[in-house]
N, C-alpha and C. Protein backbone atom coordinates (compact mmCIF):
# COMPACT_ATOMS: atom_id res chain seq x y z
N MET A 1 -267.81 154.04 -57.95
CA MET A 1 -268.26 154.15 -59.28
C MET A 1 -268.31 155.58 -59.72
N ASN A 2 -267.86 155.81 -60.84
CA ASN A 2 -267.76 157.11 -61.43
C ASN A 2 -268.05 157.03 -62.90
N ASP A 3 -269.29 157.09 -63.26
CA ASP A 3 -269.69 157.01 -64.53
C ASP A 3 -270.07 158.39 -65.22
N THR A 4 -269.89 159.45 -64.52
CA THR A 4 -270.18 160.86 -65.00
C THR A 4 -269.09 161.50 -65.60
N PRO A 5 -269.08 161.83 -66.95
CA PRO A 5 -268.02 162.46 -67.53
C PRO A 5 -267.66 163.77 -66.85
N TYR A 6 -266.38 164.07 -66.82
CA TYR A 6 -265.83 165.15 -66.09
C TYR A 6 -266.51 166.53 -66.39
N TYR A 7 -266.87 166.66 -67.78
CA TYR A 7 -267.43 167.99 -68.19
C TYR A 7 -268.82 168.14 -67.61
N ILE A 8 -269.50 167.04 -67.35
CA ILE A 8 -270.82 167.02 -66.71
C ILE A 8 -270.56 167.36 -65.24
N TYR A 9 -269.73 166.67 -64.62
CA TYR A 9 -269.47 166.98 -63.25
C TYR A 9 -269.13 168.43 -62.95
N GLU A 10 -268.39 169.02 -63.91
CA GLU A 10 -268.17 170.46 -63.79
C GLU A 10 -269.31 171.37 -63.84
N LYS A 11 -270.13 171.03 -64.70
CA LYS A 11 -271.51 171.69 -64.93
C LYS A 11 -272.42 171.54 -63.54
N GLN A 12 -272.54 170.36 -63.10
CA GLN A 12 -273.17 170.14 -61.88
C GLN A 12 -272.58 170.94 -60.68
N LEU A 13 -271.35 170.83 -60.67
CA LEU A 13 -270.63 171.79 -59.66
C LEU A 13 -270.96 173.14 -59.66
N ALA A 14 -270.91 173.65 -60.95
CA ALA A 14 -271.14 175.15 -61.08
C ALA A 14 -272.56 175.45 -60.66
N ILE A 15 -273.50 174.51 -61.11
CA ILE A 15 -274.85 174.87 -60.69
C ILE A 15 -275.02 174.95 -59.17
N PHE A 16 -274.38 173.69 -58.50
CA PHE A 16 -274.45 173.71 -57.14
C PHE A 16 -273.75 174.91 -56.36
N ASN A 17 -272.61 175.36 -56.96
CA ASN A 17 -271.99 176.47 -56.34
C ASN A 17 -272.48 177.88 -56.67
N ALA A 18 -273.45 177.88 -57.49
CA ALA A 18 -274.17 179.05 -57.77
C ALA A 18 -275.34 179.35 -56.88
N MET A 19 -275.80 178.22 -56.26
CA MET A 19 -277.01 178.22 -55.29
C MET A 19 -276.50 178.96 -54.03
N LYS A 20 -277.59 179.50 -53.42
CA LYS A 20 -277.42 180.20 -52.10
C LYS A 20 -277.21 179.11 -51.07
N PRO A 21 -276.54 179.45 -50.04
CA PRO A 21 -276.11 178.48 -48.93
C PRO A 21 -277.48 177.75 -48.52
N GLY A 22 -278.50 178.40 -48.42
CA GLY A 22 -279.86 177.70 -47.88
C GLY A 22 -280.27 176.74 -48.95
N GLN A 23 -280.09 176.98 -50.18
CA GLN A 23 -280.53 176.19 -51.29
C GLN A 23 -279.63 174.77 -51.21
N ARG A 24 -278.37 175.09 -51.02
CA ARG A 24 -277.44 173.96 -50.93
C ARG A 24 -277.75 172.97 -49.79
N ILE A 25 -278.04 173.64 -48.69
CA ILE A 25 -278.49 172.77 -47.55
C ILE A 25 -279.73 171.90 -47.86
N GLU A 26 -280.71 172.63 -48.50
CA GLU A 26 -282.00 171.80 -48.83
C GLU A 26 -281.63 170.68 -49.84
N VAL A 27 -280.80 170.97 -50.77
CA VAL A 27 -280.44 169.82 -51.73
C VAL A 27 -279.63 168.64 -51.01
N CYS A 28 -278.81 169.01 -50.10
CA CYS A 28 -278.05 168.09 -49.39
C CYS A 28 -278.98 167.26 -48.52
N LEU A 29 -280.02 167.94 -47.83
CA LEU A 29 -280.85 167.22 -46.86
C LEU A 29 -281.72 166.37 -47.73
N SER A 30 -282.24 166.70 -48.93
CA SER A 30 -283.14 166.11 -49.77
C SER A 30 -282.24 164.86 -50.17
N MET A 31 -281.12 164.90 -50.55
CA MET A 31 -280.23 163.77 -50.98
C MET A 31 -280.02 162.65 -49.88
N ILE A 32 -279.93 163.14 -48.67
CA ILE A 32 -279.77 162.28 -47.56
C ILE A 32 -281.06 161.60 -47.38
N GLU A 33 -282.24 162.29 -47.41
CA GLU A 33 -283.53 161.60 -47.19
C GLU A 33 -283.80 160.55 -48.30
N ASP A 34 -283.52 160.96 -49.55
CA ASP A 34 -283.53 160.05 -50.61
C ASP A 34 -282.76 158.77 -50.43
N GLY A 35 -281.56 159.01 -50.05
CA GLY A 35 -280.70 157.74 -49.67
C GLY A 35 -281.19 157.00 -48.51
N ARG A 36 -281.78 157.53 -47.56
CA ARG A 36 -282.40 156.88 -46.36
C ARG A 36 -283.62 156.03 -46.93
N GLN A 37 -284.44 156.85 -47.62
CA GLN A 37 -285.53 156.02 -48.19
C GLN A 37 -285.34 154.90 -49.17
N LEU A 38 -284.24 155.05 -49.86
CA LEU A 38 -283.81 153.93 -50.74
C LEU A 38 -283.43 152.66 -50.03
N VAL A 39 -282.67 152.93 -48.81
CA VAL A 39 -282.24 151.83 -48.00
C VAL A 39 -283.49 151.15 -47.34
N LEU A 40 -284.49 151.88 -46.85
CA LEU A 40 -285.75 151.41 -46.31
C LEU A 40 -286.46 150.59 -47.43
N ASP A 41 -286.65 151.16 -48.59
CA ASP A 41 -287.34 150.44 -49.61
C ASP A 41 -286.58 149.12 -49.92
N GLN A 42 -285.16 148.99 -49.81
CA GLN A 42 -284.56 147.71 -50.03
C GLN A 42 -284.79 146.90 -49.04
N LEU A 43 -284.77 147.28 -47.69
CA LEU A 43 -285.03 146.41 -46.74
C LEU A 43 -286.45 145.86 -46.74
N ARG A 44 -287.46 146.68 -47.09
CA ARG A 44 -288.82 146.33 -47.12
C ARG A 44 -288.92 145.16 -48.18
N TYR A 45 -288.33 145.33 -49.29
CA TYR A 45 -288.38 144.29 -50.41
C TYR A 45 -287.75 143.04 -49.99
N LYS A 46 -286.58 143.10 -49.38
CA LYS A 46 -286.00 141.80 -48.79
C LYS A 46 -286.70 141.13 -47.71
N HIS A 47 -287.35 142.00 -46.84
CA HIS A 47 -287.97 141.50 -45.71
C HIS A 47 -289.36 142.03 -45.47
N PRO A 48 -290.29 141.67 -46.36
CA PRO A 48 -291.67 142.19 -46.32
C PRO A 48 -292.31 141.88 -44.94
N GLU A 49 -291.89 141.00 -44.23
CA GLU A 49 -292.45 140.57 -42.98
C GLU A 49 -292.04 141.32 -41.73
N TRP A 50 -290.93 142.20 -41.97
CA TRP A 50 -290.37 142.99 -40.90
C TRP A 50 -291.39 143.96 -40.44
N THR A 51 -291.34 144.40 -39.01
CA THR A 51 -292.29 145.50 -38.47
C THR A 51 -291.44 146.77 -38.76
N GLN A 52 -292.11 147.94 -38.51
CA GLN A 52 -291.41 149.24 -38.69
C GLN A 52 -290.21 149.29 -37.82
N GLY A 53 -290.33 148.77 -36.59
CA GLY A 53 -289.06 148.92 -35.74
C GLY A 53 -287.87 148.15 -36.33
N GLN A 54 -288.22 147.03 -36.96
CA GLN A 54 -287.16 146.21 -37.49
C GLN A 54 -286.54 146.87 -38.66
N LEU A 55 -287.48 147.57 -39.59
CA LEU A 55 -286.96 148.28 -40.71
C LEU A 55 -285.95 149.36 -40.23
N ILE A 56 -286.37 150.14 -39.22
CA ILE A 56 -285.46 151.35 -38.82
C ILE A 56 -284.29 150.81 -38.21
N ALA A 57 -284.43 149.57 -37.29
CA ALA A 57 -283.20 148.98 -36.86
C ALA A 57 -282.23 148.60 -38.00
N GLY A 58 -282.76 148.10 -39.09
CA GLY A 58 -281.91 147.56 -40.12
C GLY A 58 -281.36 148.79 -40.88
N LEU A 59 -282.03 149.92 -40.94
CA LEU A 59 -281.48 151.05 -41.48
C LEU A 59 -280.19 151.60 -40.58
N ALA A 60 -280.51 151.59 -39.29
CA ALA A 60 -279.50 151.98 -38.43
C ALA A 60 -278.29 151.12 -38.50
N GLU A 61 -278.52 149.86 -38.66
CA GLU A 61 -277.38 148.89 -38.72
C GLU A 61 -276.61 149.01 -40.09
N ARG A 62 -277.24 149.40 -41.10
CA ARG A 62 -276.70 149.67 -42.50
C ARG A 62 -275.87 150.98 -42.40
N LEU A 63 -276.26 151.88 -41.54
CA LEU A 63 -275.66 153.21 -41.52
C LEU A 63 -274.44 153.29 -40.38
N TYR A 64 -274.61 152.49 -39.41
CA TYR A 64 -273.79 152.53 -38.30
C TYR A 64 -273.15 151.22 -37.83
N GLY A 65 -273.44 150.19 -38.55
CA GLY A 65 -272.99 148.88 -38.15
C GLY A 65 -271.47 148.73 -38.01
N LYS A 66 -270.70 149.38 -38.72
CA LYS A 66 -269.32 149.27 -38.64
C LYS A 66 -268.69 150.07 -37.67
N GLU A 67 -269.41 151.00 -36.90
CA GLU A 67 -269.08 151.86 -35.81
C GLU A 67 -269.12 151.30 -34.63
N PHE A 68 -269.88 150.23 -34.35
CA PHE A 68 -270.12 149.67 -33.16
C PHE A 68 -269.59 148.16 -33.06
N PRO A 69 -269.11 147.59 -31.89
CA PRO A 69 -268.99 146.20 -31.89
C PRO A 69 -270.29 145.54 -32.00
N ALA A 70 -270.15 144.38 -32.58
CA ALA A 70 -271.46 143.45 -32.78
C ALA A 70 -272.40 143.59 -31.59
N ASP A 71 -271.98 143.24 -30.46
CA ASP A 71 -272.85 143.16 -29.36
C ASP A 71 -273.56 144.58 -28.94
N LYS A 72 -272.83 145.66 -29.14
CA LYS A 72 -273.39 146.95 -28.95
C LYS A 72 -274.42 147.16 -30.06
N MET A 73 -274.18 146.78 -31.23
CA MET A 73 -275.07 147.05 -32.27
C MET A 73 -276.30 146.41 -32.08
N GLU A 74 -276.28 144.95 -31.68
CA GLU A 74 -277.41 144.36 -31.35
C GLU A 74 -278.19 144.73 -30.33
N ALA A 75 -277.50 145.45 -29.27
CA ALA A 75 -278.43 146.11 -28.11
C ALA A 75 -278.97 147.39 -28.80
N ILE A 76 -278.39 148.13 -29.59
CA ILE A 76 -279.01 149.25 -30.24
C ILE A 76 -280.24 148.79 -31.04
N ARG A 77 -280.07 147.78 -31.94
CA ARG A 77 -281.13 147.13 -32.77
C ARG A 77 -282.27 146.80 -31.81
N GLN A 78 -282.12 146.09 -30.79
CA GLN A 78 -283.22 145.71 -29.96
C GLN A 78 -283.95 146.96 -29.32
N SER A 79 -283.11 147.92 -28.93
CA SER A 79 -283.75 149.04 -28.40
C SER A 79 -284.49 149.86 -29.27
N ILE A 80 -284.10 150.00 -30.64
CA ILE A 80 -284.98 150.59 -31.74
C ILE A 80 -286.26 149.94 -31.92
N ILE A 81 -286.00 148.63 -31.92
CA ILE A 81 -287.31 147.65 -32.28
C ILE A 81 -288.32 147.92 -30.90
N SER A 82 -287.75 147.85 -29.84
CA SER A 82 -288.67 147.96 -28.74
C SER A 82 -289.38 149.37 -28.73
N PHE A 83 -288.56 150.41 -29.05
CA PHE A 83 -289.08 151.65 -29.03
C PHE A 83 -290.26 151.91 -30.12
N HIS A 84 -289.96 151.37 -31.16
CA HIS A 84 -290.92 151.70 -32.31
C HIS A 84 -292.15 150.54 -32.35
N ASP A 85 -291.97 149.41 -31.89
CA ASP A 85 -293.03 148.39 -31.81
C ASP A 85 -293.72 148.06 -30.61
N THR A 86 -293.44 148.88 -29.66
CA THR A 86 -294.22 148.74 -28.26
C THR A 86 -295.20 149.81 -28.31
N PRO A 87 -296.51 149.28 -28.09
CA PRO A 87 -297.67 150.12 -28.16
C PRO A 87 -297.40 151.23 -26.96
N ALA A 88 -297.88 152.37 -27.24
CA ALA A 88 -297.80 153.41 -26.16
C ALA A 88 -298.90 153.42 -25.10
């Protein structure tokens, strides 16, 4: 999807390029965290009954599901759920 006019894109790029490297990193990390939170919010909305471990496993599956065979992804899911939902 690309609904930003090119002249706006150029302005955004100029602002980004004018930032100090540390500021750019902060902006990028903030965008990554915003995306992570958006996915978690979507999962919470679709599955209000899920535990914290299931939510984090769902996030991992959304981010990395295509990088692992289904059986390995399921093992990763179960490991994440066990880690987060097992009392210390």
